[in-house]
Each structure stands twice: as structure tokens, then as C-alpha cells.
Amino acid sequence: MTVVIAGAGPTGLTLACELTRRGIACRVLDKAPDLFPGSRGKGLSPRTQEVFDDLGIAPAINSGGMAMPPFRIYAGREVVAERTLVEMLGTDMPSGPGIPYPGFWLVPQWRTDEILLDRLRQFGGDVEFNCEVIGFTQESDAVSVMVSQGGATELIHASYLVGTDGGRSTVRKVLGVGFAGETFESERTLIGDVRADGLEGSFCHVLTRGGQVSERFSLWNLPGSEHYQFVANMATEDVPALTLDAVQKLVVDRSGRDDIVLWDLRWISLYRVNARMVDRFRVGRVILAGDAAHVHSSAGGQGLNTSVQDAYNLGWKLAAVIYGAPEKLLDTYEEERMPVAASVLGLSTDLHHRNFAPAKGPAPQLHQMDITYRGCSLAVDDRAFQGNLRAGDRAPDALLDDGVRLFDVLRGTHFTLLTFGAQAPAIADVCVRQMTPSPDYDVTATTLVLVRPDGYIGVMTESGRTVLEYLARVV
């Protein structure tokens, strides 16, 4: 039996990598003829970079991208301001020894997809293109997936079906779950990839007539490419034709400049902004992840990052269940990720409506390093003393007592037990390492910290029995 993954974007490819490296057979199906050609989801958060580090693709991601460039704001031809992402969005960025990737990394989505597909093939998997999931039925122990390819149909009998097929998900529609929220009918967003003459330097070039960023045309330099990504919001009644000439006219209208010449339009899309989320992430043996489960504004760059982390949360759990762990382990996927998705919807909607205006409340946290599963059923903390770090939190990076980087030890498919002086129980297939308490690990010498395969802390305890009881629930 296999897992069928519908959709070969960042979510589906991340999940496929997670499963195949654990020896789970997958069929990754996508109705498109090839990988997505555009740059759409281009900003990788610090947490997503950690996920890619664990998957072994951090070097390729690093070489395929660059640090997020500053925003250069124009009034006509005059540069009136240069601001960093932190300044532009009023956000905070974490730093310190526990954070190996302190900023956003700019990589066009087509390149991220290529890197993920290459890694999937290294694990022994692949993608079947021109292959569309058109329906399915569930039984108690399997799901039968109807697939259309080249005019022929095939019925695949699988252990599970995961819908990672985007905001217009067929899997979600057939599943029949609620998808409540709102659609911003009065506006549209135009996005695409194009070459441009007349601009200098690596920036997000924010073109305006008079310096008012609410009426802008943005052009982002894309690393490893001669193309720029352009983005422009507009009223529904002002939508142009999806042609190079129409986009060129929009540049002139928004900037008052005729010296910026666009050419070689590689990809273009027009979309309505939605803020919607399903009411269930799983029904039996059918699971939703990424945009199939939640859609929202691109403001703040949360979409791809949240979707990748859905897949990362689900992957180890789904593999564990297939290998014999209790099926209720899959319930924790929705338990942990649904609140995160709801928070992201609120954050991105607020940033969308702010439209680069200064924040009136607390700074928005875009880095996703503060996502926690505290209070969830897979976060066990029975210590008398509890510091700042709790079960359910992301495990910070650190140096172990032998000088090895903790993230190098965590990389892989295993659980890791950290000790700070206490005797650790002998546990098969669990990596045990010694370290010293630190500001990031403000624990006592008798503490045991069990880190899950996805880098979150499952247990903080002083009892080896607590660790063993926890593992019996998840492996």
C-alpha cells in the first residue's frame, strides 16, 4: 500500500521527501505538465530554512537564493527611501546562538520546487505529471483514488490520500469539508515574472508617482535569474489584460516613468485574495495540507512557509502510523496545525489591510520561530521547575558538550534525547546526547528533553519513565 499525494508544489514535495526518506512508498501526482514555472512563494522564513536543513537541502537553497533585499521606494524617478523588510513591515527578527537562520531568504518558488524534486529523486521518489486526482472513496482500511492521465483512468488503492493540491483543491471539494472565511471581492492582485530594463541594484523596487506605497508597482530582483517578480494590487474594475503590453502600461500609470521597459513575460497570474480555512484537516484516511487546507493574503510571506511546515508536522506522524503507531497520532496533526493556520490567516489579513502602514499594535512575528504546541497532547512537561523553554516549543540550536552542533544531531528521522547530567534510559532508535544548560536551555541538571523528529520538544521531565511512556504513544 502507498500514500497518494495530490499536488507537487512545496507542500506535496516536502511531504513526499519526509515519507520516502522513511521508506514509505508514495505516488505524487500533479495535473500540470511540469513543476510550477513562477516565482510566487519566494520568501523562506527562518523556520522553513531549518526544515530544509533537516531535509539536507540547505546548501542548495543557500546557493539558489540571497538574503531578503531592502525595499527601494521611488517617487517617479527619484529614490525617496530605502528600508529593510523589518522596517517595511514593522516586524521583529530573532537572533542568537540558538537561531542558525536569522532572516528571510529570497528564493523563487520554481527554484525551491526544483531543489525539493531533486531531493525526492535522491530518496527514490518522483512525480507523475499530467496525472489528476478526480475522485476517491474511503474504506475502513484504505482509500481508493480515481486518477485521470492522458485520457485513461486508473484506480489506485492506497493507505492514505493527502491533498496538497492548492487553494482550488479537488481533494478538499470531494471530501466535502467546510471552507469558511471571506473573499476580498473588491480587489485583485496581479503577479508575474518578467525581465526589466532601467532598474539598478538588488532591491524590491517599489515604483510610485508620488511616494505613496498604497498605489505601487513592485519589482523584486530574483536571485539566479534575469527576471523580476512583479506585484500590483488593484480594484476589481481596474484589472488589465494579462499581456505584456498591459503590464507595461500599468508600470507607466503607477510610476509616471517610461524608462522602465518590461520584456520576456515568463509567467503571469491574477487572483482574488481569500482568507479561508477548512473545519477539518483530516477525515478518515484523507488529509489536507497547505493551501488545500488554508488560503490567505500573500502579505507577510506566510503561505509557502506555513504549508511546508504542515507537511513537516504530518510526515513523521503519518510514517509512524503506517509502521504501527496508534492511528490517533494523526489527530495531533489537526490539533497542532489548525491553530497555527488560524493565526496566520489573522496575521496576513491584518498586513494586507495595513498595506505597509505602520503597525498600531505589537510587531507582527513573521519568522515563525515562536510557533509552539504547548498544551497539546504531544507536549508533556511534568517538572516542578519550568523555565522559559517548555514542551511544545521549537528546540533551539546549540553546541553539545562534545562541540557538535545540535541541529547536526537532530537531522534525520529519529527522536533525540538530551541530558544535562542525569542518567538517560536506554532506548532503541533514540539518539542520546549530553549538553550543558544555557540561556536557551534553562533547565536543571536532572532534566531530560525529548526532541521530536520535526524539531519540537515532546517531553521535558526528570523521569525516564515519562519518556518511555511518551514514546509508546508515538512509535
Foldseek 3Di string as FASTA:
>chain_A
DAEEEEDLFLLSLLLLLLQLLLVGHYAYEYQAQDYDDWQPLWKAFLLNLLSVVLLVLNVVLPVQWAFAAWEFEDQQPHGDDTGHPCLLQVFDWDDDPLRPRGGIITHRRSSVSVSSQVSSVVSPDHYDYSKHFQAWDDDQQWIWTWIDHPNDIDTDTHRFYEYPHAQVTNLLVRVPFDKDFDWPQFKKKKKFKWAKPDDDDAHFYWAANGRPSLLTWTWGDHPPDRITMIMGMDTPVPDFPFDLVRVLVSRCVGHVDDRMHIHDTPDMDMGIFIFIATPDQDDNRYGYAARNGTGGACQLSQRSNLRSVLSLQQNLQVSLVVVPFDPCSNVVSCVQSVVVSVVVRVLRVVRVVCSSPHDPDDHDHSNPQARFNPPGPQFAEDDPDDDPDGARHFQGWDAAPVRDIVSVVLNDSAKEKEAAQADADDDPRYHYTYHHADPSRPDDRQWIWIAHSSRGTRYIDNDNVVVVVSVSNRD
